[in-house]
Amino acid sequence: MKSVLRIVFGILLLTAPAGAATYEAVDGNRIIVLDGDTVALPCKKPGRGCAERVRLRDIDAPEVFHPDCAEGLQQGLKAKARLVQLIRGKAVYVERDGHRDLYGRTLGALRIGNPSGLNAGMQLVREDLARPWKGGAAAREERRLWWCGPQMPDH
């Protein structure tokens, strides 16, 4: 009976229209947290480059790999550590709606415990470890100022 349910659920996932949310349960211990707003999911079939990268929708956390400033790096590491705390040891439901970002990453959310559970990205926003996502140069500068403060000119 379980195998029949898995097949039916798999078909539903594959046939869901773009924009309709789908959910996949993943062991939070197997998710690789790259930074406060990006994770890599475990491979279903191991192989080079098989991990799906998921960019948490509607938030932006400070960069860890190419930070704008030292303060931003420190805040980015805090956001990353908090995301690890939120998902480790828990069932995590990856919510997808069929959209990707400019880098080909899946846009989605991580729901803790069940498909309507705590949205990990929004929790980071509530804790001031991430900012709500807004597009455009002005919004990016606003986020940079939030994390780095005004930059002093070099003399």
N, C-alpha and C. Protein backbone atom coordinates (compact mmCIF):
# COMPACT_ATOMS: atom_id res chain seq x y z
N MET A 1 0.82 -1.19 0.00
CA MET A 1 0.00 0.00 0.00
C MET A 1 0.87 1.27 0.00
N LYS A 2 1.96 1.24 0.81
CA LYS A 2 2.83 2.41 0.87
C LYS A 2 3.45 2.71 -0.49
N SER A 3 3.86 1.65 -1.22
CA SER A 3 4.48 1.88 -2.52
C SER A 3 3.49 2.49 -3.50
N VAL A 4 2.23 2.09 -3.43
CA VAL A 4 1.20 2.67 -4.30
C VAL A 4 1.02 4.16 -3.97
N LEU A 5 0.99 4.48 -2.68
CA LEU A 5 0.85 5.88 -2.28
C LEU A 5 2.05 6.70 -2.74
N ARG A 6 3.25 6.14 -2.66
CA ARG A 6 4.45 6.85 -3.11
C ARG A 6 4.38 7.13 -4.62
N ILE A 7 3.91 6.14 -5.38
CA ILE A 7 3.80 6.32 -6.83
C ILE A 7 2.78 7.41 -7.14
N VAL A 8 1.62 7.36 -6.49
CA VAL A 8 0.58 8.37 -6.72
C VAL A 8 1.10 9.75 -6.33
N PHE A 9 1.77 9.85 -5.17
CA PHE A 9 2.30 11.15 -4.73
C PHE A 9 3.35 11.64 -5.72
N GLY A 10 4.21 10.74 -6.22
CA GLY A 10 5.23 11.13 -7.20
C GLY A 10 4.62 11.66 -8.47
N ILE A 11 3.55 11.02 -8.93
CA ILE A 11 2.86 11.50 -10.13
C ILE A 11 2.27 12.87 -9.89
N LEU A 12 1.68 13.08 -8.72
CA LEU A 12 1.11 14.39 -8.40
C LEU A 12 2.19 15.47 -8.40
N LEU A 13 3.37 15.15 -7.87
CA LEU A 13 4.46 16.12 -7.87
C LEU A 13 4.88 16.47 -9.28
N LEU A 14 4.98 15.47 -10.15
CA LEU A 14 5.43 15.71 -11.51
C LEU A 14 4.39 16.43 -12.37
N THR A 15 3.11 16.27 -12.04
CA THR A 15 2.07 16.87 -12.87
C THR A 15 1.52 18.16 -12.30
N ALA A 16 2.03 18.60 -11.16
CA ALA A 16 1.53 19.85 -10.58
C ALA A 16 1.90 21.01 -11.49
N PRO A 17 0.96 21.92 -11.74
CA PRO A 17 1.27 23.05 -12.61
C PRO A 17 2.29 23.98 -11.97
N ALA A 18 3.09 24.67 -12.81
CA ALA A 18 4.06 25.65 -12.29
C ALA A 18 3.28 26.67 -11.49
N GLY A 19 3.79 27.04 -10.35
CA GLY A 19 3.12 27.98 -9.49
C GLY A 19 2.36 27.30 -8.37
N ALA A 20 1.99 26.02 -8.55
CA ALA A 20 1.34 25.26 -7.49
C ALA A 20 2.44 24.70 -6.60
N ALA A 21 2.31 24.88 -5.31
CA ALA A 21 3.35 24.42 -4.39
C ALA A 21 3.34 22.91 -4.28
N THR A 22 4.54 22.33 -4.28
CA THR A 22 4.73 20.91 -4.01
C THR A 22 5.65 20.82 -2.80
N TYR A 23 5.59 19.69 -2.12
CA TYR A 23 6.38 19.50 -0.90
C TYR A 23 7.12 18.17 -0.96
N GLU A 24 8.35 18.20 -0.48
CA GLU A 24 9.16 16.98 -0.38
C GLU A 24 9.75 16.93 1.01
N ALA A 25 9.54 15.83 1.70
CA ALA A 25 10.12 15.65 3.03
C ALA A 25 11.58 15.27 2.90
N VAL A 26 12.43 15.95 3.65
CA VAL A 26 13.87 15.69 3.65
C VAL A 26 14.36 15.68 5.09
N ASP A 27 15.24 14.77 5.41
CA ASP A 27 15.85 14.73 6.73
C ASP A 27 16.74 15.96 6.88
N GLY A 28 16.44 16.82 7.85
CA GLY A 28 17.21 18.04 8.05
C GLY A 28 18.68 17.80 8.31
N ASN A 29 19.04 16.62 8.78
CA ASN A 29 20.45 16.29 9.00
C ASN A 29 21.21 16.09 7.70
N ARG A 30 20.49 15.87 6.60
CA ARG A 30 21.14 15.61 5.31
C ARG A 30 21.21 16.85 4.41
N ILE A 31 20.60 17.93 4.84
CA ILE A 31 20.62 19.17 4.05
C ILE A 31 21.93 19.90 4.33
N ILE A 32 22.59 20.34 3.27
CA ILE A 32 23.83 21.11 3.41
C ILE A 32 23.46 22.58 3.36
N VAL A 33 23.76 23.30 4.44
CA VAL A 33 23.48 24.73 4.50
C VAL A 33 24.69 25.47 3.95
N LEU A 34 24.50 26.14 2.82
CA LEU A 34 25.60 26.88 2.18
C LEU A 34 25.75 28.26 2.78
N ASP A 35 24.64 28.92 3.03
CA ASP A 35 24.63 30.20 3.73
C ASP A 35 23.22 30.41 4.26
N GLY A 36 22.91 31.60 4.74
CA GLY A 36 21.62 31.83 5.38
C GLY A 36 20.42 31.78 4.45
N ASP A 37 20.65 31.81 3.14
CA ASP A 37 19.51 31.75 2.23
C ASP A 37 19.66 30.73 1.11
N THR A 38 20.62 29.83 1.21
CA THR A 38 20.82 28.81 0.18
C THR A 38 21.23 27.49 0.81
N VAL A 39 20.59 26.41 0.36
CA VAL A 39 20.92 25.07 0.83
C VAL A 39 21.10 24.15 -0.37
N ALA A 40 21.74 23.02 -0.12
CA ALA A 40 21.85 21.95 -1.12
C ALA A 40 21.17 20.72 -0.54
N LEU A 41 20.28 20.14 -1.33
CA LEU A 41 19.54 18.97 -0.88
C LEU A 41 20.35 17.71 -1.17
N PRO A 42 20.14 16.67 -0.37
CA PRO A 42 20.87 15.42 -0.62
C PRO A 42 20.46 14.83 -1.97
N CYS A 43 21.39 14.14 -2.57
CA CYS A 43 21.15 13.51 -3.87
C CYS A 43 20.28 12.27 -3.71
N LYS A 44 19.34 12.13 -4.61
CA LYS A 44 18.53 10.91 -4.62
C LYS A 44 19.36 9.75 -5.17
N LYS A 45 20.18 10.06 -6.16
CA LYS A 45 21.10 9.08 -6.76
C LYS A 45 22.47 9.74 -6.80
N PRO A 46 23.39 9.34 -5.92
CA PRO A 46 24.68 10.02 -5.84
C PRO A 46 25.41 10.08 -7.17
N GLY A 47 26.02 11.21 -7.41
CA GLY A 47 26.82 11.44 -8.60
C GLY A 47 27.34 12.86 -8.59
N ARG A 48 28.30 13.14 -9.40
CA ARG A 48 28.92 14.46 -9.44
C ARG A 48 27.88 15.53 -9.80
N GLY A 49 27.78 16.55 -8.97
CA GLY A 49 26.89 17.67 -9.24
C GLY A 49 25.41 17.35 -9.12
N CYS A 50 25.07 16.31 -8.38
CA CYS A 50 23.67 15.88 -8.34
C CYS A 50 22.83 16.68 -7.34
N ALA A 51 23.43 17.38 -6.42
CA ALA A 51 22.66 18.08 -5.38
C ALA A 51 21.86 19.24 -5.98
N GLU A 52 20.61 19.33 -5.58
CA GLU A 52 19.77 20.45 -5.99
C GLU A 52 19.99 21.61 -5.03
N ARG A 53 20.30 22.76 -5.57
CA ARG A 53 20.46 23.95 -4.73
C ARG A 53 19.13 24.69 -4.66
N VAL A 54 18.76 25.05 -3.44
CA VAL A 54 17.51 25.76 -3.21
C VAL A 54 17.82 27.10 -2.59
N ARG A 55 17.36 28.16 -3.25
CA ARG A 55 17.48 29.54 -2.75
C ARG A 55 16.19 29.84 -2.02
N LEU A 56 16.30 30.20 -0.74
CA LEU A 56 15.11 30.48 0.05
C LEU A 56 14.40 31.71 -0.50
N ARG A 57 13.17 31.52 -0.85
CA ARG A 57 12.35 32.54 -1.50
C ARG A 57 12.02 33.67 -0.51
N ASP A 58 11.99 34.88 -1.03
CA ASP A 58 11.52 36.07 -0.32
C ASP A 58 12.43 36.58 0.80
N ILE A 59 13.66 36.06 0.88
CA ILE A 59 14.59 36.59 1.88
C ILE A 59 15.96 36.79 1.24
N ASP A 60 16.80 37.56 1.93
CA ASP A 60 18.19 37.72 1.53
C ASP A 60 19.03 37.77 2.81
N ALA A 61 20.00 36.89 2.90
CA ALA A 61 20.92 36.87 4.04
C ALA A 61 22.27 37.37 3.56
N PRO A 62 23.09 37.90 4.46
CA PRO A 62 24.41 38.38 4.06
C PRO A 62 25.25 37.26 3.44
N GLU A 63 26.07 37.64 2.50
CA GLU A 63 26.92 36.67 1.79
C GLU A 63 28.00 36.12 2.72
N VAL A 64 28.28 34.84 2.56
CA VAL A 64 29.35 34.18 3.30
C VAL A 64 30.56 33.98 2.39
N PHE A 65 30.32 33.64 1.12
CA PHE A 65 31.43 33.33 0.21
C PHE A 65 32.07 34.57 -0.39
N HIS A 66 31.30 35.60 -0.69
CA HIS A 66 31.83 36.85 -1.23
C HIS A 66 31.16 38.01 -0.49
N PRO A 67 31.53 38.20 0.78
CA PRO A 67 30.86 39.22 1.59
C PRO A 67 31.20 40.64 1.14
N ASP A 68 30.26 41.54 1.38
CA ASP A 68 30.48 42.96 1.07
C ASP A 68 31.40 43.62 2.08
N CYS A 69 31.47 43.06 3.30
CA CYS A 69 32.28 43.67 4.37
C CYS A 69 32.48 42.64 5.47
N ALA A 70 33.38 42.91 6.39
CA ALA A 70 33.65 41.99 7.50
C ALA A 70 32.41 41.82 8.39
N GLU A 71 31.69 42.92 8.64
CA GLU A 71 30.49 42.85 9.46
C GLU A 71 29.42 41.98 8.79
N GLY A 72 29.31 42.12 7.48
CA GLY A 72 28.37 41.30 6.73
C GLY A 72 28.72 39.83 6.79
N LEU A 73 30.02 39.53 6.72
CA LEU A 73 30.46 38.14 6.84
C LEU A 73 30.05 37.57 8.19
N GLN A 74 30.28 38.32 9.26
CA GLN A 74 29.92 37.85 10.60
C GLN A 74 28.42 37.60 10.71
N GLN A 75 27.61 38.52 10.15
CA GLN A 75 26.17 38.35 10.19
C GLN A 75 25.74 37.18 9.30
N GLY A 76 26.42 37.00 8.17
CA GLY A 76 26.12 35.87 7.30
C GLY A 76 26.40 34.54 7.98
N LEU A 77 27.51 34.48 8.73
CA LEU A 77 27.82 33.25 9.47
C LEU A 77 26.80 32.99 10.56
N LYS A 78 26.29 34.04 11.20
CA LYS A 78 25.23 33.87 12.21
C LYS A 78 23.95 33.35 11.57
N ALA A 79 23.59 33.90 10.41
CA ALA A 79 22.38 33.44 9.71
C ALA A 79 22.53 31.97 9.31
N LYS A 80 23.69 31.61 8.81
CA LYS A 80 23.95 30.23 8.41
C LYS A 80 23.84 29.30 9.62
N ALA A 81 24.47 29.68 10.72
CA ALA A 81 24.43 28.84 11.94
C ALA A 81 22.99 28.70 12.46
N ARG A 82 22.22 29.76 12.40
CA ARG A 82 20.84 29.70 12.88
C ARG A 82 19.99 28.80 11.97
N LEU A 83 20.21 28.85 10.67
CA LEU A 83 19.47 27.99 9.76
C LEU A 83 19.80 26.52 10.06
N VAL A 84 21.07 26.23 10.33
CA VAL A 84 21.46 24.87 10.73
C VAL A 84 20.68 24.47 11.98
N GLN A 85 20.63 25.35 12.99
CA GLN A 85 19.89 25.05 14.23
C GLN A 85 18.43 24.75 13.95
N LEU A 86 17.83 25.50 13.04
CA LEU A 86 16.41 25.34 12.76
C LEU A 86 16.08 24.00 12.10
N ILE A 87 17.00 23.44 11.30
CA ILE A 87 16.66 22.24 10.53
C ILE A 87 17.26 20.95 11.07
N ARG A 88 18.36 21.01 11.80
CA ARG A 88 19.02 19.78 12.25
C ARG A 88 18.11 18.98 13.17
N GLY A 89 18.08 17.67 12.91
CA GLY A 89 17.30 16.76 13.74
C GLY A 89 15.80 16.81 13.49
N LYS A 90 15.39 17.47 12.42
CA LYS A 90 13.96 17.63 12.15
C LYS A 90 13.62 17.17 10.75
N ALA A 91 12.34 16.84 10.57
CA ALA A 91 11.83 16.62 9.23
C ALA A 91 11.64 18.00 8.62
N VAL A 92 12.14 18.19 7.42
CA VAL A 92 12.03 19.47 6.73
C VAL A 92 11.28 19.23 5.44
N TYR A 93 10.30 20.06 5.18
CA TYR A 93 9.54 19.95 3.93
C TYR A 93 9.99 21.06 3.00
N VAL A 94 10.53 20.66 1.86
CA VAL A 94 10.97 21.63 0.86
C VAL A 94 9.75 22.00 0.03
N GLU A 95 9.40 23.28 0.07
CA GLU A 95 8.25 23.79 -0.67
C GLU A 95 8.78 24.40 -1.97
N ARG A 96 8.26 23.90 -3.09
CA ARG A 96 8.67 24.41 -4.40
C ARG A 96 7.44 24.87 -5.16
N ASP A 97 7.61 25.90 -5.98
CA ASP A 97 6.49 26.34 -6.82
C ASP A 97 6.86 26.37 -8.30
N GLY A 98 7.98 25.75 -8.64
CA GLY A 98 8.37 25.63 -10.05
C GLY A 98 9.20 26.77 -10.58
N HIS A 99 9.58 27.73 -9.76
CA HIS A 99 10.38 28.86 -10.22
C HIS A 99 11.85 28.66 -9.89
N ARG A 100 12.71 29.31 -10.69
CA ARG A 100 14.16 29.29 -10.48
C ARG A 100 14.68 30.72 -10.49
N ASP A 101 15.86 30.91 -9.88
CA ASP A 101 16.47 32.24 -9.90
C ASP A 101 17.39 32.36 -11.10
N LEU A 102 18.08 33.50 -11.21
CA LEU A 102 18.96 33.74 -12.35
C LEU A 102 20.11 32.75 -12.45
N TYR A 103 20.46 32.10 -11.34
CA TYR A 103 21.57 31.15 -11.32
C TYR A 103 21.10 29.71 -11.47
N GLY A 104 19.82 29.51 -11.76
CA GLY A 104 19.28 28.18 -11.96
C GLY A 104 18.90 27.44 -10.69
N ARG A 105 19.01 28.12 -9.55
CA ARG A 105 18.64 27.47 -8.29
C ARG A 105 17.12 27.44 -8.16
N THR A 106 16.63 26.37 -7.57
CA THR A 106 15.22 26.28 -7.26
C THR A 106 14.87 27.33 -6.23
N LEU A 107 13.79 28.06 -6.43
CA LEU A 107 13.29 28.97 -5.40
C LEU A 107 12.29 28.21 -4.55
N GLY A 108 12.45 28.29 -3.26
CA GLY A 108 11.55 27.54 -2.40
C GLY A 108 11.64 27.98 -0.96
N ALA A 109 10.96 27.22 -0.13
CA ALA A 109 10.96 27.48 1.31
C ALA A 109 11.25 26.18 2.03
N LEU A 110 11.78 26.29 3.23
CA LEU A 110 11.98 25.14 4.10
C LEU A 110 10.97 25.24 5.22
N ARG A 111 10.08 24.26 5.31
CA ARG A 111 9.05 24.20 6.33
C ARG A 111 9.45 23.14 7.35
N ILE A 112 9.45 23.51 8.61
CA ILE A 112 9.91 22.62 9.66
C ILE A 112 8.74 21.79 10.21
N GLY A 113 8.91 20.47 10.22
CA GLY A 113 7.95 19.57 10.84
C GLY A 113 6.82 19.08 9.97
N ASN A 114 6.25 19.95 9.14
CA ASN A 114 5.16 19.56 8.24
C ASN A 114 5.02 20.63 7.17
N PRO A 115 4.24 20.35 6.11
CA PRO A 115 4.15 21.31 5.00
C PRO A 115 3.62 22.69 5.37
N SER A 116 2.92 22.82 6.49
CA SER A 116 2.46 24.15 6.90
C SER A 116 3.22 24.63 8.14
N GLY A 117 4.35 23.98 8.43
CA GLY A 117 5.14 24.32 9.60
C GLY A 117 5.91 25.63 9.45
N LEU A 118 6.72 25.90 10.45
CA LEU A 118 7.53 27.12 10.50
C LEU A 118 8.35 27.28 9.22
N ASN A 119 8.27 28.46 8.60
CA ASN A 119 9.07 28.79 7.43
C ASN A 119 10.43 29.27 7.95
N ALA A 120 11.47 28.47 7.72
CA ALA A 120 12.80 28.77 8.27
C ALA A 120 13.33 30.11 7.80
N GLY A 121 13.12 30.45 6.53
CA GLY A 121 13.60 31.73 6.00
C GLY A 121 12.92 32.92 6.67
N MET A 122 11.61 32.83 6.84
CA MET A 122 10.88 33.92 7.49
C MET A 122 11.27 34.04 8.96
N GLN A 123 11.65 32.91 9.58
CA GLN A 123 12.14 32.97 10.96
C GLN A 123 13.44 33.76 11.01
N LEU A 124 14.31 33.59 10.04
CA LEU A 124 15.55 34.36 10.00
C LEU A 124 15.25 35.86 9.86
N VAL A 125 14.24 36.20 9.08
CA VAL A 125 13.84 37.61 8.95
C VAL A 125 13.33 38.13 10.29
N ARG A 126 12.47 37.35 10.96
CA ARG A 126 11.94 37.78 12.27
C ARG A 126 13.06 38.01 13.28
N GLU A 127 14.14 37.25 13.16
CA GLU A 127 15.27 37.37 14.09
C GLU A 127 16.32 38.37 13.60
N ASP A 128 16.02 39.13 12.56
CA ASP A 128 16.94 40.11 11.97
C ASP A 128 18.25 39.51 11.47
N LEU A 129 18.22 38.23 11.09
CA LEU A 129 19.39 37.58 10.52
C LEU A 129 19.34 37.59 9.00
N ALA A 130 18.19 37.94 8.45
CA ALA A 130 17.99 38.08 7.01
C ALA A 130 17.02 39.23 6.80
N ARG A 131 16.97 39.71 5.59
CA ARG A 131 16.07 40.82 5.24
C ARG A 131 15.05 40.31 4.23
N PRO A 132 13.88 40.92 4.20
CA PRO A 132 12.92 40.56 3.15
C PRO A 132 13.52 40.88 1.79
N TRP A 133 13.28 40.01 0.81
CA TRP A 133 13.83 40.22 -0.53
C TRP A 133 13.03 41.26 -1.28
N LYS A 134 13.73 42.22 -1.85
CA LYS A 134 13.17 43.17 -2.81
C LYS A 134 14.21 43.29 -3.91
N GLY A 135 13.77 43.31 -5.16
CA GLY A 135 14.69 43.40 -6.27
C GLY A 135 15.14 44.83 -6.53
N GLY A 136 16.20 44.97 -7.31
CA GLY A 136 16.67 46.27 -7.73
C GLY A 136 17.90 46.74 -6.99
N ALA A 137 18.60 47.68 -7.61
CA ALA A 137 19.86 48.20 -7.06
C ALA A 137 19.64 48.94 -5.74
N ALA A 138 18.56 49.71 -5.65
CA ALA A 138 18.30 50.47 -4.42
C ALA A 138 18.06 49.52 -3.25
N ALA A 139 17.31 48.45 -3.49
CA ALA A 139 17.04 47.48 -2.43
C ALA A 139 18.31 46.75 -2.02
N ARG A 140 19.16 46.43 -3.00
CA ARG A 140 20.42 45.77 -2.67
C ARG A 140 21.29 46.68 -1.81
N GLU A 141 21.35 47.95 -2.16
CA GLU A 141 22.14 48.91 -1.38
C GLU A 141 21.57 49.05 0.04
N GLU A 142 20.26 49.04 0.15
CA GLU A 142 19.62 49.12 1.47
C GLU A 142 20.02 47.92 2.34
N ARG A 143 20.02 46.72 1.74
CA ARG A 143 20.43 45.53 2.49
C ARG A 143 21.91 45.61 2.86
N ARG A 144 22.75 46.07 1.92
CA ARG A 144 24.18 46.19 2.22
C ARG A 144 24.40 47.16 3.38
N LEU A 145 23.69 48.28 3.37
CA LEU A 145 23.80 49.25 4.47
C LEU A 145 23.35 48.64 5.79
N TRP A 146 22.31 47.81 5.74
CA TRP A 146 21.82 47.16 6.95
C TRP A 146 22.92 46.30 7.56
N TRP A 147 23.64 45.55 6.71
CA TRP A 147 24.66 44.63 7.21
C TRP A 147 26.01 45.30 7.43
N CYS A 148 26.37 46.25 6.58
CA CYS A 148 27.73 46.79 6.61
C CYS A 148 27.82 48.20 7.17
N GLY A 149 26.71 48.93 7.16
CA GLY A 149 26.77 50.33 7.54
C GLY A 149 27.36 51.14 6.38
N PRO A 150 27.41 52.46 6.54
CA PRO A 150 27.98 53.28 5.46
C PRO A 150 29.48 53.00 5.33
N GLN A 151 29.93 52.93 4.11
CA GLN A 151 31.35 52.68 3.84
C GLN A 151 32.10 54.01 3.79
N MET A 152 33.20 54.05 4.48
CA MET A 152 34.03 55.25 4.48
C MET A 152 34.93 55.25 3.24
N PRO A 153 35.10 56.38 2.58
CA PRO A 153 35.98 56.40 1.42
C PRO A 153 37.43 56.17 1.84
N ASP A 154 38.19 55.54 0.96
CA ASP A 154 39.62 55.28 1.23
C ASP A 154 40.38 56.60 1.06
N HIS A 155 41.35 56.82 1.94
CA HIS A 155 42.20 58.01 1.84
C HIS A 155 43.60 57.62 1.55
